[in-house]
PDB file of N, CA and C in Angstrom:
ATOM      1  N   MET A   1       1.165  -1.608   0.089  1.00  0.00           N
ATOM      2  CA  MET A   1       0.038   0.188  -0.004  1.00  0.00           C
ATOM      3  C   MET A   1       0.538   0.915   0.123  1.00  0.00           C
ATOM      4  N   GLY A   2       1.820   1.301   0.634  1.00  0.00           N
ATOM      5  CA  GLY A   2       2.296   2.316   0.597  1.00  0.00           C
ATOM      6  C   GLY A   2       3.332   3.049   0.053  1.00  0.00           C
ATOM      7  N   LEU A   3       4.021   1.670  -1.633  1.00  0.00           N
ATOM      8  CA  LEU A   3       4.428   1.717  -2.362  1.00  0.00           C
ATOM      9  C   LEU A   3       3.398   2.392  -3.669  1.00  0.00           C
ATOM     10  N   ASN A   4       2.416   1.996  -3.464  1.00  0.00           N
ATOM     11  CA  ASN A   4       0.992   2.766  -4.480  1.00  0.00           C
ATOM     12  C   ASN A   4       0.964   4.645  -3.920  1.00  0.00           C
ATOM     13  N   ILE A   5       1.303   4.613  -2.808  1.00  0.00           N
ATOM     14  CA  ILE A   5       0.622   6.232  -2.491  1.00  0.00           C
ATOM     15  C   ILE A   5       2.151   7.058  -3.032  1.00  0.00           C
ATOM     16  N   ALA A   6       3.353   6.252  -2.707  1.00  0.00           N
ATOM     17  CA  ALA A   6       4.397   6.941  -3.136  1.00  0.00           C
ATOM     18  C   ALA A   6       4.586   6.926  -4.614  1.00  0.00           C
ATOM     19  N   GLY A   7       3.842   5.756  -4.959  1.00  0.00           N
ATOM     20  CA  GLY A   7       3.616   5.797  -7.146  1.00  0.00           C
ATOM     21  C   GLY A   7       3.140   7.096  -7.884  1.00  0.00           C
ATOM     22  N   LEU A   8       1.892   7.291  -6.897  1.00  0.00           N
ATOM     23  CA  LEU A   8       0.645   8.437  -6.813  1.00  0.00           C
ATOM     24  C   LEU A   8       1.499   9.368  -6.565  1.00  0.00           C
ATOM     25  N   ALA A   9       2.419   9.742  -5.658  1.00  0.00           N
ATOM     26  CA  ALA A   9       2.522  10.982  -5.652  1.00  0.00           C
ATOM     27  C   ALA A   9       3.680  11.319  -6.819  1.00  0.00           C
ATOM     28  N   ALA A  10       4.801  10.317  -7.568  1.00  0.00           N
ATOM     29  CA  ALA A  10       5.438  10.393  -8.690  1.00  0.00           C
ATOM     30  C   ALA A  10       5.042  10.612  -9.346  1.00  0.00           C
ATOM     31  N   ILE A  11       3.252  10.274  -9.733  1.00  0.00           N
ATOM     32  CA  ILE A  11       3.020  10.216 -10.736  1.00  0.00           C
ATOM     33  C   ILE A  11       2.334  11.765 -11.365  1.00  0.00           C
ATOM     34  N   ALA A  12       2.095  11.479  -9.899  1.00  0.00           N
ATOM     35  CA  ALA A  12       1.561  13.253  -9.971  1.00  0.00           C
ATOM     36  C   ALA A  12       2.515  14.781 -10.332  1.00  0.00           C
ATOM     37  N   SER A  13       3.555  14.218  -9.532  1.00  0.00           N
ATOM     38  CA  SER A  13       4.954  15.406  -9.592  1.00  0.00           C
ATOM     39  C   SER A  13       4.746  15.454 -11.277  1.00  0.00           C
ATOM     40  N   PHE A  14       4.896  13.939 -12.083  1.00  0.00           N
ATOM     41  CA  PHE A  14       5.068  13.981 -13.592  1.00  0.00           C
ATOM     42  C   PHE A  14       4.393  14.955 -13.978  1.00  0.00           C
ATOM     43  N   SER A  15       2.731  14.289 -13.568  1.00  0.00           N
ATOM     44  CA  SER A  15       1.832  15.145 -15.025  1.00  0.00           C
ATOM     45  C   SER A  15       2.071  16.840 -14.230  1.00  0.00           C
ATOM     46  N   ALA A  16       1.969  16.824 -12.846  1.00  0.00           N
ATOM     47  CA  ALA A  16       1.910  18.463 -13.022  1.00  0.00           C
ATOM     48  C   ALA A  16       3.027  19.265 -13.632  1.00  0.00           C
ATOM     49  N   PHE A  17       3.952  19.003 -13.388  1.00  0.00           N
ATOM     50  CA  PHE A  17       5.083  19.306 -14.241  1.00  0.00           C
ATOM     51  C   PHE A  17       5.116  19.265 -16.210  1.00  0.00           C
ATOM     52  N   LEU A  18       4.387  17.950 -16.403  1.00  0.00           N
ATOM     53  CA  LEU A  18       4.040  18.221 -18.011  1.00  0.00           C
ATOM     54  C   LEU A  18       3.226  19.511 -18.184  1.00  0.00           C
ATOM     55  N   ILE A  19       1.826  19.292 -17.542  1.00  0.00           N
ATOM     56  CA  ILE A  19       0.631  20.239 -17.816  1.00  0.00           C
ATOM     57  C   ILE A  19       1.582  21.368 -17.798  1.00  0.00           C
ATOM     58  N   LYS A  20       2.616  21.947 -16.643  1.00  0.00           N
ATOM     59  CA  LYS A  20       2.616  22.979 -16.235  1.00  0.00           C
ATOM     60  C   LYS A  20       3.739  24.047 -17.766  1.00  0.00           C
ATOM     61  N   VAL A  21       4.714  22.549 -18.204  1.00  0.00           N
ATOM     62  CA  VAL A  21       5.399  22.799 -19.567  1.00  0.00           C
ATOM     63  C   VAL A  21       4.695  23.105 -20.525  1.00  0.00           C
ATOM     64  N   TYR A  22       3.730  22.510 -20.944  1.00  0.00           N
ATOM     65  CA  TYR A  22       2.936  22.045 -22.099  1.00  0.00           C
ATOM     66  C   TYR A  22       1.721  23.102 -22.200  1.00  0.00           C
ATOM     67  N   SER A  23       1.503  23.707 -20.934  1.00  0.00           N
ATOM     68  CA  SER A  23       0.313  24.367 -21.052  1.00  0.00           C
ATOM     69  C   SER A  23       0.380  26.230 -21.876  1.00  0.00           C
ATOM     70  N   LYS A  24      -0.835  26.501 -22.340  1.00  0.00           N
ATOM     71  CA  LYS A  24      -0.565  27.574 -23.334  1.00  0.00           C
ATOM     72  C   LYS A  24      -0.302  29.147 -22.275  1.00  0.00           C
ATOM     73  N   THR A  25       0.679  29.471 -22.674  1.00  0.00           N
ATOM     74  CA  THR A  25       1.047  30.902 -22.102  1.00  0.00           C
ATOM     75  C   THR A  25       0.664  32.061 -22.408  1.00  0.00           C
ATOM     76  N   ASP A  26       0.324  32.959 -21.714  1.00  0.00           N
ATOM     77  CA  ASP A  26      -0.007  34.494 -22.212  1.00  0.00           C
ATOM     78  C   ASP A  26       1.039  34.839 -23.364  1.00  0.00           C
ATOM     79  N   LYS A  27       0.157  35.983 -23.942  1.00  0.00           N
ATOM     80  CA  LYS A  27       1.219  36.386 -24.871  1.00  0.00           C
ATOM     81  C   LYS A  27       2.194  37.714 -24.429  1.00  0.00           C
ATOM     82  N   ASN A  28       1.392  37.894 -23.743  1.00  0.00           N
ATOM     83  CA  ASN A  28       3.257  38.989 -22.847  1.00  0.00           C
ATOM     84  C   ASN A  28       3.858  37.790 -22.410  1.00  0.00           C
ATOM     85  N   GLU A  29       3.590  36.316 -21.554  1.00  0.00           N
ATOM     86  CA  GLU A  29       4.549  35.925 -21.006  1.00  0.00           C
ATOM     87  C   GLU A  29       5.293  34.691 -22.175  1.00  0.00           C
ATOM     88  N   ASN A  30       6.897  34.570 -22.053  1.00  0.00           N
ATOM     89  CA  ASN A  30       7.687  33.768 -22.688  1.00  0.00           C
ATOM     90  C   ASN A  30       7.175  32.617 -22.762  1.00  0.00           C
ATOM     91  N   PRO A  31       7.055  31.611 -23.921  1.00  0.00           N
ATOM     92  CA  PRO A  31       6.503  30.322 -23.025  1.00  0.00           C
ATOM     93  C   PRO A  31       8.090  29.653 -22.342  1.00  0.00           C
ATOM     94  N   ASN A  32       7.641  28.192 -21.290  1.00  0.00           N
ATOM     95  CA  ASN A  32       8.955  27.568 -21.096  1.00  0.00           C
ATOM     96  C   ASN A  32       9.783  27.091 -22.216  1.00  0.00           C
ATOM     97  N   TYR A  33       9.316  26.751 -22.827  1.00  0.00           N
ATOM     98  CA  TYR A  33      10.563  26.041 -23.591  1.00  0.00           C
ATOM     99  C   TYR A  33      11.527  26.850 -24.560  1.00  0.00           C
ATOM    100  N   ILE A  34      11.475  28.174 -24.484  1.00  0.00           N
ATOM    101  CA  ILE A  34      12.226  29.367 -25.417  1.00  0.00           C
ATOM    102  C   ILE A  34      13.432  29.741 -24.526  1.00  0.00           C
ATOM    103  N   LEU A  35      14.550  29.254 -24.542  1.00  0.00           N
ATOM    104  CA  LEU A  35      15.789  29.671 -24.136  1.00  0.00           C
ATOM    105  C   LEU A  35      16.994  30.350 -25.264  1.00  0.00           C
ATOM    106  N   ASP A  36      16.605  31.437 -24.502  1.00  0.00           N
ATOM    107  CA  ASP A  36      17.609  32.194 -26.153  1.00  0.00           C
ATOM    108  C   ASP A  36      18.678  32.929 -25.206  1.00  0.00           C
ATOM    109  N   PRO A  37      19.874  32.665 -25.349  1.00  0.00           N
ATOM    110  CA  PRO A  37      20.819  33.295 -24.734  1.00  0.00           C
ATOM    111  C   PRO A  37      21.743  34.819 -24.981  1.00  0.00           C
ATOM    112  N   ASN A  38      21.018  35.113 -25.913  1.00  0.00           N
ATOM    113  CA  ASN A  38      20.780  36.471 -26.272  1.00  0.00           C
ATOM    114  C   ASN A  38      20.307  37.333 -25.309  1.00  0.00           C
ATOM    115  N   ALA A  39      18.955  36.943 -24.648  1.00  0.00           N
ATOM    116  CA  ALA A  39      17.576  37.566 -24.352  1.00  0.00           C
ATOM    117  C   ALA A  39      18.501  37.838 -22.544  1.00  0.00           C
ATOM    118  N   LEU A  40      17.764  38.718 -22.325  1.00  0.00           N
ATOM    119  CA  LEU A  40      17.619  38.972 -20.738  1.00  0.00           C
ATOM    120  C   LEU A  40      16.241  38.299 -20.136  1.00  0.00           C
ATOM    121  N   PRO A  41      16.950  37.704 -19.389  1.00  0.00           N
ATOM    122  CA  PRO A  41      15.724  36.344 -18.660  1.00  0.00           C
ATOM    123  C   PRO A  41      15.163  37.515 -17.874  1.00  0.00           C
ATOM    124  N   GLN A  42      13.672  37.140 -17.867  1.00  0.00           N
ATOM    125  CA  GLN A  42      13.259  37.701 -16.974  1.00  0.00           C
ATOM    126  C   GLN A  42      12.458  36.870 -15.735  1.00  0.00           C
ATOM    127  N   ARG A  43      13.278  37.076 -14.895  1.00  0.00           N
ATOM    128  CA  ARG A  43      13.186  35.858 -13.235  1.00  0.00           C
ATOM    129  C   ARG A  43      11.805  36.020 -12.363  1.00  0.00           C
ATOM    130  N   PRO A  44      11.153  34.731 -12.694  1.00  0.00           N
ATOM    131  CA  PRO A  44       9.949  35.136 -11.431  1.00  0.00           C
ATOM    132  C   PRO A  44      10.299  34.916 -10.116  1.00  0.00           C
ATOM    133  N   ARG A  45       9.435  36.044  -9.216  1.00  0.00           N
ATOM    134  CA  ARG A  45       9.825  35.169  -7.736  1.00  0.00           C
ATOM    135  C   ARG A  45      10.258  33.857  -7.025  1.00  0.00           C
ATOM    136  N   VAL A  46       8.984  33.368  -8.007  1.00  0.00           N
ATOM    137  CA  VAL A  46       8.791  32.073  -7.491  1.00  0.00           C
ATOM    138  C   VAL A  46       9.025  31.129  -8.623  1.00  0.00           C
ATOM    139  N   TRP A  47       9.687  29.865  -9.222  1.00  0.00           N
ATOM    140  CA  TRP A  47       9.693  29.658 -10.591  1.00  0.00           C
ATOM    141  C   TRP A  47       8.951  28.104 -10.582  1.00  0.00           C
ATOM    142  N   TRP A  48       7.499  27.845 -10.612  1.00  0.00           N
ATOM    143  CA  TRP A  48       7.195  27.033 -10.713  1.00  0.00           C
ATOM    144  C   TRP A  48       7.410  25.600 -11.366  1.00  0.00           C
ATOM    145  N   THR A  49       8.444  25.965 -12.427  1.00  0.00           N
ATOM    146  CA  THR A  49       8.804  24.835 -13.387  1.00  0.00           C
ATOM    147  C   THR A  49       9.893  24.314 -12.490  1.00  0.00           C
ATOM    148  N   ALA A  50      10.533  25.090 -11.986  1.00  0.00           N
ATOM    149  CA  ALA A  50      12.011  24.581 -11.262  1.00  0.00           C
ATOM    150  C   ALA A  50      11.561  23.581  -9.951  1.00  0.00           C
ATOM    151  N   ILE A  51      10.183  24.086  -9.234  1.00  0.00           N
ATOM    152  CA  ILE A  51      10.376  23.858  -7.721  1.00  0.00           C
ATOM    153  C   ILE A  51       9.665  22.301  -8.452  1.00  0.00           C
ATOM    154  N   LEU A  52       8.645  22.437  -9.815  1.00  0.00           N
ATOM    155  CA  LEU A  52       8.096  20.715 -10.174  1.00  0.00           C
ATOM    156  C   LEU A  52       8.932  19.841 -10.198  1.00  0.00           C
ATOM    157  N   GLU A  53      10.229  20.038 -11.348  1.00  0.00           N
ATOM    158  CA  GLU A  53      11.451  19.306 -10.763  1.00  0.00           C
ATOM    159  C   GLU A  53      11.997  18.567 -10.270  1.00  0.00           C
ATOM    160  N   TRP A  54      12.300  19.822  -9.642  1.00  0.00           N
ATOM    161  CA  TRP A  54      12.674  19.203  -7.654  1.00  0.00           C
ATOM    162  C   TRP A  54      12.090  17.756  -7.246  1.00  0.00           C
ATOM    163  N   GLY A  55      10.218  18.324  -7.394  1.00  0.00           N
ATOM    164  CA  GLY A  55       9.323  17.589  -6.668  1.00  0.00           C
ATOM    165  C   GLY A  55       9.307  16.294  -7.547  1.00  0.00           C
ATOM    166  N   ILE A  56       9.532  16.079  -8.464  1.00  0.00           N
ATOM    167  CA  ILE A  56       9.641  14.760  -9.498  1.00  0.00           C
ATOM    168  C   ILE A  56      10.928  14.017  -9.022  1.00  0.00           C
ATOM    169  N   PHE A  57      11.967  14.696  -8.654  1.00  0.00           N
ATOM    170  CA  PHE A  57      12.989  13.899  -7.975  1.00  0.00           C
ATOM    171  C   PHE A  57      13.006  13.494  -6.884  1.00  0.00           C
ATOM    172  N   PHE A  58      12.379  14.418  -5.869  1.00  0.00           N
ATOM    173  CA  PHE A  58      12.124  13.979  -4.629  1.00  0.00           C
ATOM    174  C   PHE A  58      11.136  12.782  -4.483  1.00  0.00           C
ATOM    175  N   SER A  59      10.123  13.265  -5.430  1.00  0.00           N
ATOM    176  CA  SER A  59       9.216  12.096  -5.250  1.00  0.00           C
ATOM    177  C   SER A  59       9.515  10.648  -5.439  1.00  0.00           C
ATOM    178  N   ILE A  60      10.395  10.134  -6.788  1.00  0.00           N
ATOM    179  CA  ILE A  60      10.918   9.298  -7.441  1.00  0.00           C
ATOM    180  C   ILE A  60      12.055   8.872  -6.431  1.00  0.00           C
ATOM    181  N   GLN A  61      12.955   9.190  -5.340  1.00  0.00           N
ATOM    182  CA  GLN A  61      13.442   8.726  -4.351  1.00  0.00           C
ATOM    183  C   GLN A  61      12.798   8.455  -3.240  1.00  0.00           C
ATOM    184  N   ALA A  62      11.617   8.718  -3.071  1.00  0.00           N
ATOM    185  CA  ALA A  62      10.837   8.399  -2.056  1.00  0.00           C
ATOM    186  C   ALA A  62      10.332   7.312  -2.564  1.00  0.00           C
ATOM    187  N   TRP A  63       9.909   6.921  -3.523  1.00  0.00           N
ATOM    188  CA  TRP A  63       9.349   5.834  -4.247  1.00  0.00           C
ATOM    189  C   TRP A  63      10.236   4.985  -4.081  1.00  0.00           C
ATOM    190  N   PHE A  64      11.724   5.222  -4.548  1.00  0.00           N
ATOM    191  CA  PHE A  64      12.888   3.845  -4.694  1.00  0.00           C
ATOM    192  C   PHE A  64      13.034   3.799  -3.202  1.00  0.00           C
ATOM    193  N   ILE A  65      13.133   4.647  -2.008  1.00  0.00           N
ATOM    194  CA  ILE A  65      13.140   4.497  -0.566  1.00  0.00           C
ATOM    195  C   ILE A  65      12.228   3.385   0.162  1.00  0.00           C
ATOM    196  N   THR A  66      10.705   3.877  -0.112  1.00  0.00           N
ATOM    197  CA  THR A  66       9.985   3.213  -0.030  1.00  0.00           C
ATOM    198  C   THR A  66       9.988   1.190  -0.500  1.00  0.00           C
ATOM    199  N   ALA A  67      10.172   1.599  -1.712  1.00  0.00           N
ATOM    200  CA  ALA A  67      10.273   0.267  -2.381  1.00  0.00           C
ATOM    201  C   ALA A  67      11.372  -0.588  -1.525  1.00  0.00           C
ATOM    202  N   ALA A  68      12.535  -0.291  -1.035  1.00  0.00           N
ATOM    203  CA  ALA A  68      13.729  -1.028  -0.756  1.00  0.00           C
ATOM    204  C   ALA A  68      13.273  -1.367   0.466  1.00  0.00           C
ATOM    205  N   ILE A  69      12.953  -0.109   1.330  1.00  0.00           N
ATOM    206  CA  ILE A  69      12.110  -0.951   2.786  1.00  0.00           C
ATOM    207  C   ILE A  69      10.983  -2.138   2.623  1.00  0.00           C
ATOM    208  N   LEU A  70      10.385  -2.063   1.644  1.00  0.00           N
ATOM    209  CA  LEU A  70       9.341  -2.785   1.367  1.00  0.00           C
ATOM    210  C   LEU A  70      10.064  -3.988   1.225  1.00  0.00           C
ATOM    211  N   ILE A  71      10.933  -4.328   0.526  1.00  0.00           N
ATOM    212  CA  ILE A  71      11.919  -5.516   0.245  1.00  0.00           C
ATOM    213  C   ILE A  71      12.943  -6.156   1.212  1.00  0.00           C
ATOM    214  N   LEU A  72      12.971  -5.243   1.953  1.00  0.00           N
ATOM    215  CA  LEU A  72      13.780  -5.390   2.805  1.00  0.00           C
ATOM    216  C   LEU A  72      12.827  -6.409   4.252  1.00  0.00           C
ATOM    217  N   THR A  73      11.587  -5.649   4.264  1.00  0.00           N
ATOM    218  CA  THR A  73      10.833  -6.144   5.350  1.00  0.00           C
ATOM    219  C   THR A  73      10.459  -7.364   4.988  1.00  0.00           C
TER     220      THR A  73
END
């Protein structure tokens, strides 16, 4: 049961990241996929794409740790 919960957290993290990255943005806002090295970036106070990437990392780590604990017990 614990592995299922950790897996659902990982799926939710991946889904949130993909929805954020591929969602349509406003005309005034640059899309997430444009990385022009010559343009001065406008850094937001909270960069949700980076937060969601770290969420993916930690949820996958939690899934691996849960799987290891369940295998050892």
